[in-house]
């Protein structure tokens, strides 16, 4: 398969821009008393063991659309800020490289795969929300496409190449996942987004080692 890159660089390419706006709207709705509880009950991703439904008649069970909608819900300012900041910083470079259509497909497939792998591996009975799985897929893509680009991070006093950052972060997520620490963070969803992203990049033959 081939990809269709954009013809010019955009600071807010279409997919990233729309994802930022939709996530912000959903966050406001989720934080609204009365409405937020209903949104969480039907659109967060609930474990399949709670029951599987087709029509939205019973809350707190799994519905197929939750594989997508859970990515647009966030539990707090810090949660949504860091996810959307990473989506903008790294996603902009990816969308400008592979094009809006392919980027959109990549984003949703990594997010869906992240949620599925999280429940398959952990068997967790806790519902999941957040775009982290898709964002980690984007982070993996950035590390593969621009492995030698240097990142300047607040918590690391020296610049670090993207490929090393991705490896370190992936190893950290794996450690946190297998250590069974109850951190309230879906570490295997993060890893799932990276795993699905890797196979999509290889299957679609997306460009790598650009810089």
Foldseek 3Di string as FASTA:
>chain_A
DAFDADPDADLQDDVLVVLLVLLVVQAVQLPDPPRVVVCCFAQFAFAQVVDEDDDPPDTRHHYPNNLQRLASYDDDDVQSVVLSVLCSVQVSVVCNQRHDVVSVVLLSQQSSQLVVQLCVVPVDRDTGHHSLSSSLLSLLVSCFAQVQDWDDDPVDNDTDGSVVVNVVVLVVLVCVVVVPDPPVDSSSSSVSSNVSSVVVCVVNVGHGPND
